N, C-alpha and C. Protein backbone atom coordinates (compact mmCIF):
# COMPACT_ATOMS: atom_id res chain seq x y z
N UNK A 1 -9.30 -44.53 -8.11
CA UNK A 1 -8.10 -43.73 -8.29
C UNK A 1 -8.29 -42.68 -9.37
N UNK A 2 -8.97 -43.06 -10.49
CA UNK A 2 -9.21 -42.13 -11.57
C UNK A 2 -10.13 -40.99 -11.12
N UNK A 3 -11.07 -41.32 -10.22
CA UNK A 3 -11.98 -40.29 -9.71
C UNK A 3 -11.22 -39.23 -8.92
N UNK A 4 -10.15 -39.62 -8.29
CA UNK A 4 -9.35 -38.71 -7.49
C UNK A 4 -8.41 -37.88 -8.36
N UNK A 5 -7.90 -38.45 -9.42
CA UNK A 5 -6.94 -37.76 -10.28
C UNK A 5 -7.58 -36.64 -11.11
N UNK A 6 -8.80 -36.82 -11.55
CA UNK A 6 -9.45 -35.82 -12.39
C UNK A 6 -9.58 -34.47 -11.67
N UNK A 7 -10.09 -34.42 -10.42
CA UNK A 7 -10.17 -33.12 -9.73
C UNK A 7 -8.79 -32.52 -9.45
N UNK A 8 -7.82 -33.36 -9.12
CA UNK A 8 -6.47 -32.86 -8.88
C UNK A 8 -5.87 -32.27 -10.14
N UNK A 9 -6.11 -32.90 -11.27
CA UNK A 9 -5.62 -32.38 -12.54
C UNK A 9 -6.27 -31.03 -12.85
N UNK A 10 -7.58 -30.94 -12.63
CA UNK A 10 -8.31 -29.69 -12.88
C UNK A 10 -7.78 -28.56 -11.99
N UNK A 11 -7.54 -28.86 -10.73
CA UNK A 11 -6.99 -27.85 -9.82
C UNK A 11 -5.61 -27.39 -10.24
N UNK A 12 -4.77 -28.33 -10.69
CA UNK A 12 -3.42 -27.95 -11.10
C UNK A 12 -3.46 -27.08 -12.36
N UNK A 13 -4.38 -27.36 -13.27
CA UNK A 13 -4.53 -26.53 -14.47
C UNK A 13 -4.97 -25.13 -14.09
N UNK A 14 -5.92 -25.02 -13.17
CA UNK A 14 -6.37 -23.71 -12.71
C UNK A 14 -5.25 -22.94 -12.03
N UNK A 15 -4.49 -23.63 -11.19
CA UNK A 15 -3.39 -22.97 -10.49
C UNK A 15 -2.34 -22.47 -11.47
N UNK A 16 -2.00 -23.26 -12.45
CA UNK A 16 -1.01 -22.83 -13.44
C UNK A 16 -1.54 -21.66 -14.26
N UNK A 17 -2.81 -21.68 -14.58
CA UNK A 17 -3.41 -20.57 -15.33
C UNK A 17 -3.38 -19.28 -14.53
N UNK A 18 -3.70 -19.35 -13.25
CA UNK A 18 -3.68 -18.15 -12.41
C UNK A 18 -2.27 -17.63 -12.22
N UNK A 19 -1.31 -18.51 -12.14
CA UNK A 19 0.08 -18.10 -11.97
C UNK A 19 0.60 -17.37 -13.19
N UNK A 20 0.03 -17.64 -14.36
CA UNK A 20 0.51 -17.00 -15.57
C UNK A 20 -0.16 -15.66 -15.85
N UNK A 21 -1.20 -15.29 -15.05
CA UNK A 21 -1.85 -14.01 -15.25
C UNK A 21 -0.93 -12.88 -14.81
N UNK A 22 -1.00 -11.73 -15.47
CA UNK A 22 -0.22 -10.58 -15.02
C UNK A 22 -0.67 -10.18 -13.62
N UNK A 23 0.25 -9.63 -12.86
CA UNK A 23 -0.04 -9.26 -11.48
C UNK A 23 -1.20 -8.28 -11.41
N UNK A 24 -1.28 -7.32 -12.34
CA UNK A 24 -2.32 -6.30 -12.26
C UNK A 24 -3.72 -6.87 -12.42
N UNK A 25 -3.86 -8.08 -12.92
CA UNK A 25 -5.19 -8.67 -13.10
C UNK A 25 -5.83 -8.97 -11.75
N UNK A 26 -5.04 -9.39 -10.77
CA UNK A 26 -5.63 -9.71 -9.48
C UNK A 26 -5.09 -8.86 -8.33
N UNK A 27 -4.46 -7.75 -8.62
CA UNK A 27 -4.03 -6.82 -7.57
C UNK A 27 -5.11 -5.76 -7.39
N UNK A 28 -5.59 -5.59 -6.17
CA UNK A 28 -6.68 -4.65 -5.91
C UNK A 28 -6.24 -3.20 -5.95
N UNK A 29 -5.18 -2.86 -5.23
CA UNK A 29 -4.82 -1.46 -5.09
C UNK A 29 -3.52 -1.11 -5.82
N UNK A 30 -3.18 -1.85 -6.83
CA UNK A 30 -1.96 -1.59 -7.56
C UNK A 30 -1.96 -0.24 -8.26
N UNK A 31 -3.14 0.30 -8.57
CA UNK A 31 -3.22 1.56 -9.28
C UNK A 31 -2.56 2.70 -8.53
N UNK A 32 -2.93 2.89 -7.27
CA UNK A 32 -2.35 3.97 -6.47
C UNK A 32 -0.87 3.71 -6.19
N UNK A 33 -0.52 2.47 -5.92
CA UNK A 33 0.88 2.14 -5.67
C UNK A 33 1.72 2.34 -6.92
N UNK A 34 1.18 1.94 -8.05
CA UNK A 34 1.90 2.15 -9.31
C UNK A 34 2.10 3.63 -9.59
N UNK A 35 1.06 4.42 -9.33
CA UNK A 35 1.16 5.86 -9.55
C UNK A 35 2.22 6.47 -8.63
N UNK A 36 2.23 6.06 -7.37
CA UNK A 36 3.24 6.57 -6.43
C UNK A 36 4.64 6.19 -6.90
N UNK A 37 4.79 4.98 -7.38
CA UNK A 37 6.10 4.52 -7.87
C UNK A 37 6.55 5.37 -9.05
N UNK A 38 5.65 5.64 -9.98
CA UNK A 38 5.99 6.45 -11.16
C UNK A 38 6.36 7.87 -10.76
N UNK A 39 5.57 8.46 -9.85
CA UNK A 39 5.85 9.82 -9.40
C UNK A 39 7.19 9.91 -8.68
N UNK A 40 7.49 8.88 -7.87
CA UNK A 40 8.76 8.88 -7.15
C UNK A 40 9.93 8.76 -8.11
N UNK A 41 9.82 7.86 -9.08
CA UNK A 41 10.89 7.68 -10.06
C UNK A 41 11.11 8.94 -10.89
N UNK A 42 10.03 9.68 -11.12
CA UNK A 42 10.14 10.93 -11.89
C UNK A 42 10.69 12.07 -11.03
N UNK A 43 10.82 11.82 -9.72
CA UNK A 43 11.35 12.84 -8.83
C UNK A 43 10.31 13.84 -8.36
N UNK A 44 9.04 13.52 -8.56
CA UNK A 44 7.96 14.44 -8.19
C UNK A 44 7.55 14.33 -6.73
N UNK A 45 7.75 13.15 -6.12
CA UNK A 45 7.37 12.96 -4.72
C UNK A 45 8.49 12.24 -3.97
N UNK A 46 8.43 12.33 -2.65
CA UNK A 46 9.36 11.60 -1.80
C UNK A 46 8.91 10.15 -1.69
N UNK A 47 9.82 9.27 -1.36
CA UNK A 47 9.46 7.87 -1.16
C UNK A 47 8.74 7.72 0.18
N UNK A 48 8.02 6.64 0.32
CA UNK A 48 7.32 6.40 1.59
C UNK A 48 8.33 6.26 2.73
N UNK A 49 9.50 5.74 2.46
CA UNK A 49 10.53 5.61 3.52
C UNK A 49 10.96 6.99 4.00
N UNK A 50 11.12 7.94 3.09
CA UNK A 50 11.48 9.31 3.48
C UNK A 50 10.36 9.94 4.31
N UNK A 51 9.13 9.72 3.89
CA UNK A 51 7.97 10.25 4.63
C UNK A 51 7.92 9.65 6.03
N UNK A 52 8.13 8.35 6.13
CA UNK A 52 8.11 7.68 7.43
C UNK A 52 9.20 8.22 8.35
N UNK A 53 10.37 8.53 7.80
CA UNK A 53 11.46 9.09 8.62
C UNK A 53 11.07 10.44 9.21
N UNK A 54 10.22 11.16 8.53
CA UNK A 54 9.77 12.47 9.01
C UNK A 54 8.67 12.31 10.06
N UNK A 55 7.71 11.43 9.80
CA UNK A 55 6.50 11.35 10.62
C UNK A 55 6.64 10.43 11.83
N UNK A 56 7.22 9.26 11.66
CA UNK A 56 7.24 8.27 12.75
C UNK A 56 7.83 8.79 14.06
N UNK A 57 8.93 9.54 14.03
CA UNK A 57 9.46 10.04 15.31
C UNK A 57 8.48 10.96 16.05
N UNK A 58 7.57 11.58 15.35
CA UNK A 58 6.60 12.49 15.97
C UNK A 58 5.40 11.76 16.56
N UNK A 59 5.30 10.47 16.30
CA UNK A 59 4.13 9.70 16.73
C UNK A 59 4.49 8.69 17.81
N UNK A 60 5.34 9.06 18.72
CA UNK A 60 5.79 8.14 19.76
C UNK A 60 4.61 7.62 20.57
N UNK A 61 4.68 6.35 20.91
CA UNK A 61 3.63 5.71 21.68
C UNK A 61 2.50 5.12 20.85
N UNK A 62 2.47 5.47 19.57
CA UNK A 62 1.42 4.96 18.69
C UNK A 62 1.99 3.86 17.81
N UNK A 63 1.18 2.87 17.54
CA UNK A 63 1.60 1.76 16.68
C UNK A 63 1.30 2.14 15.23
N UNK A 64 2.30 2.03 14.39
CA UNK A 64 2.17 2.37 12.97
C UNK A 64 1.51 1.20 12.24
N UNK A 65 0.43 1.50 11.51
CA UNK A 65 -0.30 0.46 10.79
C UNK A 65 0.02 0.44 9.30
N UNK A 66 0.49 1.57 8.75
CA UNK A 66 0.86 1.58 7.35
C UNK A 66 0.38 2.81 6.60
N UNK A 67 0.83 2.95 5.34
CA UNK A 67 0.49 4.12 4.53
C UNK A 67 -0.52 3.82 3.42
N UNK A 68 -1.12 4.87 2.92
CA UNK A 68 -1.89 4.86 1.67
C UNK A 68 -1.41 6.07 0.88
N UNK A 69 -1.55 6.00 -0.44
CA UNK A 69 -1.17 7.12 -1.29
C UNK A 69 -2.37 7.59 -2.08
N UNK A 70 -2.60 8.89 -2.10
CA UNK A 70 -3.69 9.50 -2.88
C UNK A 70 -3.04 10.25 -4.03
N UNK A 71 -3.14 9.69 -5.24
CA UNK A 71 -2.47 10.29 -6.39
C UNK A 71 -3.08 11.62 -6.79
N UNK A 72 -4.38 11.81 -6.58
CA UNK A 72 -5.02 13.07 -6.94
C UNK A 72 -4.51 14.22 -6.06
N UNK A 73 -4.35 13.93 -4.77
CA UNK A 73 -3.89 14.95 -3.82
C UNK A 73 -2.36 14.98 -3.71
N UNK A 74 -1.70 13.98 -4.29
CA UNK A 74 -0.26 13.81 -4.14
C UNK A 74 0.11 13.85 -2.65
N UNK A 75 -0.59 13.00 -1.89
CA UNK A 75 -0.41 12.96 -0.44
C UNK A 75 -0.42 11.52 0.05
N UNK A 76 0.35 11.30 1.10
CA UNK A 76 0.33 10.03 1.81
C UNK A 76 -0.56 10.19 3.03
N UNK A 77 -1.24 9.13 3.41
CA UNK A 77 -1.98 9.08 4.67
C UNK A 77 -1.39 7.92 5.46
N UNK A 78 -0.79 8.24 6.60
CA UNK A 78 -0.23 7.23 7.48
C UNK A 78 -1.21 6.96 8.60
N UNK A 79 -1.38 5.69 8.92
CA UNK A 79 -2.39 5.27 9.90
C UNK A 79 -1.70 4.72 11.15
N UNK A 80 -2.18 5.16 12.31
CA UNK A 80 -1.64 4.74 13.60
C UNK A 80 -2.78 4.34 14.52
N UNK A 81 -2.44 3.60 15.58
CA UNK A 81 -3.42 3.24 16.60
C UNK A 81 -2.77 3.33 17.97
N UNK A 82 -3.57 3.81 18.94
CA UNK A 82 -3.12 3.86 20.33
C UNK A 82 -4.35 3.80 21.23
N UNK A 83 -4.33 2.89 22.16
CA UNK A 83 -5.44 2.72 23.11
C UNK A 83 -6.79 2.59 22.41
N UNK A 84 -6.81 1.85 21.31
CA UNK A 84 -8.04 1.61 20.58
C UNK A 84 -8.50 2.76 19.70
N UNK A 85 -7.77 3.85 19.68
CA UNK A 85 -8.12 4.99 18.84
C UNK A 85 -7.23 5.00 17.61
N UNK A 86 -7.83 5.27 16.45
CA UNK A 86 -7.09 5.30 15.19
C UNK A 86 -6.77 6.75 14.85
N UNK A 87 -5.54 6.99 14.43
CA UNK A 87 -5.06 8.32 14.07
C UNK A 87 -4.59 8.30 12.62
N UNK A 88 -4.87 9.36 11.90
CA UNK A 88 -4.40 9.51 10.53
C UNK A 88 -3.53 10.75 10.44
N UNK A 89 -2.44 10.63 9.72
CA UNK A 89 -1.57 11.78 9.46
C UNK A 89 -1.44 11.91 7.96
N UNK A 90 -1.87 13.06 7.43
CA UNK A 90 -1.78 13.34 6.00
C UNK A 90 -0.53 14.14 5.74
N UNK A 91 0.23 13.70 4.73
CA UNK A 91 1.53 14.30 4.45
C UNK A 91 1.63 14.64 2.97
N UNK A 92 2.07 15.87 2.67
CA UNK A 92 2.32 16.27 1.28
C UNK A 92 3.46 15.41 0.75
N UNK A 93 3.19 14.64 -0.28
CA UNK A 93 4.18 13.71 -0.82
C UNK A 93 5.34 14.42 -1.50
N UNK A 94 5.13 15.67 -1.92
CA UNK A 94 6.20 16.42 -2.60
C UNK A 94 7.21 16.99 -1.62
N UNK A 95 6.72 17.41 -0.44
CA UNK A 95 7.60 18.12 0.50
C UNK A 95 7.85 17.37 1.80
N UNK A 96 6.97 16.44 2.15
CA UNK A 96 7.07 15.75 3.44
C UNK A 96 6.44 16.53 4.57
N UNK A 97 5.78 17.64 4.25
CA UNK A 97 5.14 18.48 5.27
C UNK A 97 3.82 17.84 5.70
N UNK A 98 3.58 17.80 7.01
CA UNK A 98 2.32 17.29 7.53
C UNK A 98 1.25 18.32 7.22
N UNK A 99 0.19 17.88 6.53
CA UNK A 99 -0.87 18.81 6.14
C UNK A 99 -2.17 18.56 6.88
N UNK A 100 -2.22 17.52 7.68
CA UNK A 100 -3.42 17.29 8.47
C UNK A 100 -3.28 16.08 9.37
N UNK A 101 -4.01 16.14 10.50
CA UNK A 101 -4.06 15.01 11.42
C UNK A 101 -5.49 14.86 11.88
N UNK A 102 -5.92 13.62 12.07
CA UNK A 102 -7.27 13.38 12.57
C UNK A 102 -7.29 12.11 13.41
N UNK A 103 -8.32 12.02 14.22
CA UNK A 103 -8.51 10.78 14.99
C UNK A 103 -9.95 10.48 15.14
């Protein structure tokens, strides 16, 4: 019984330690998301929801996979798929204007 309790105790200590770490310690892409959040709160860019309202209606028939934000370009890249082909739509985050499309 003692042999079983020692590993369980060690695992619980590790789990509690990981739970107490700040989110940014184990978040991979928090940097770009944090930057987008700061820019949006400052009123410098549109929210991703506003961007989606502009772009999604123009992409009928394609499945929306999600956005990425490029803080250097101040642009969102929305990713879509249709019939096995991937499409990207680049959008100026300040204006919501589509600035490029590729597949």
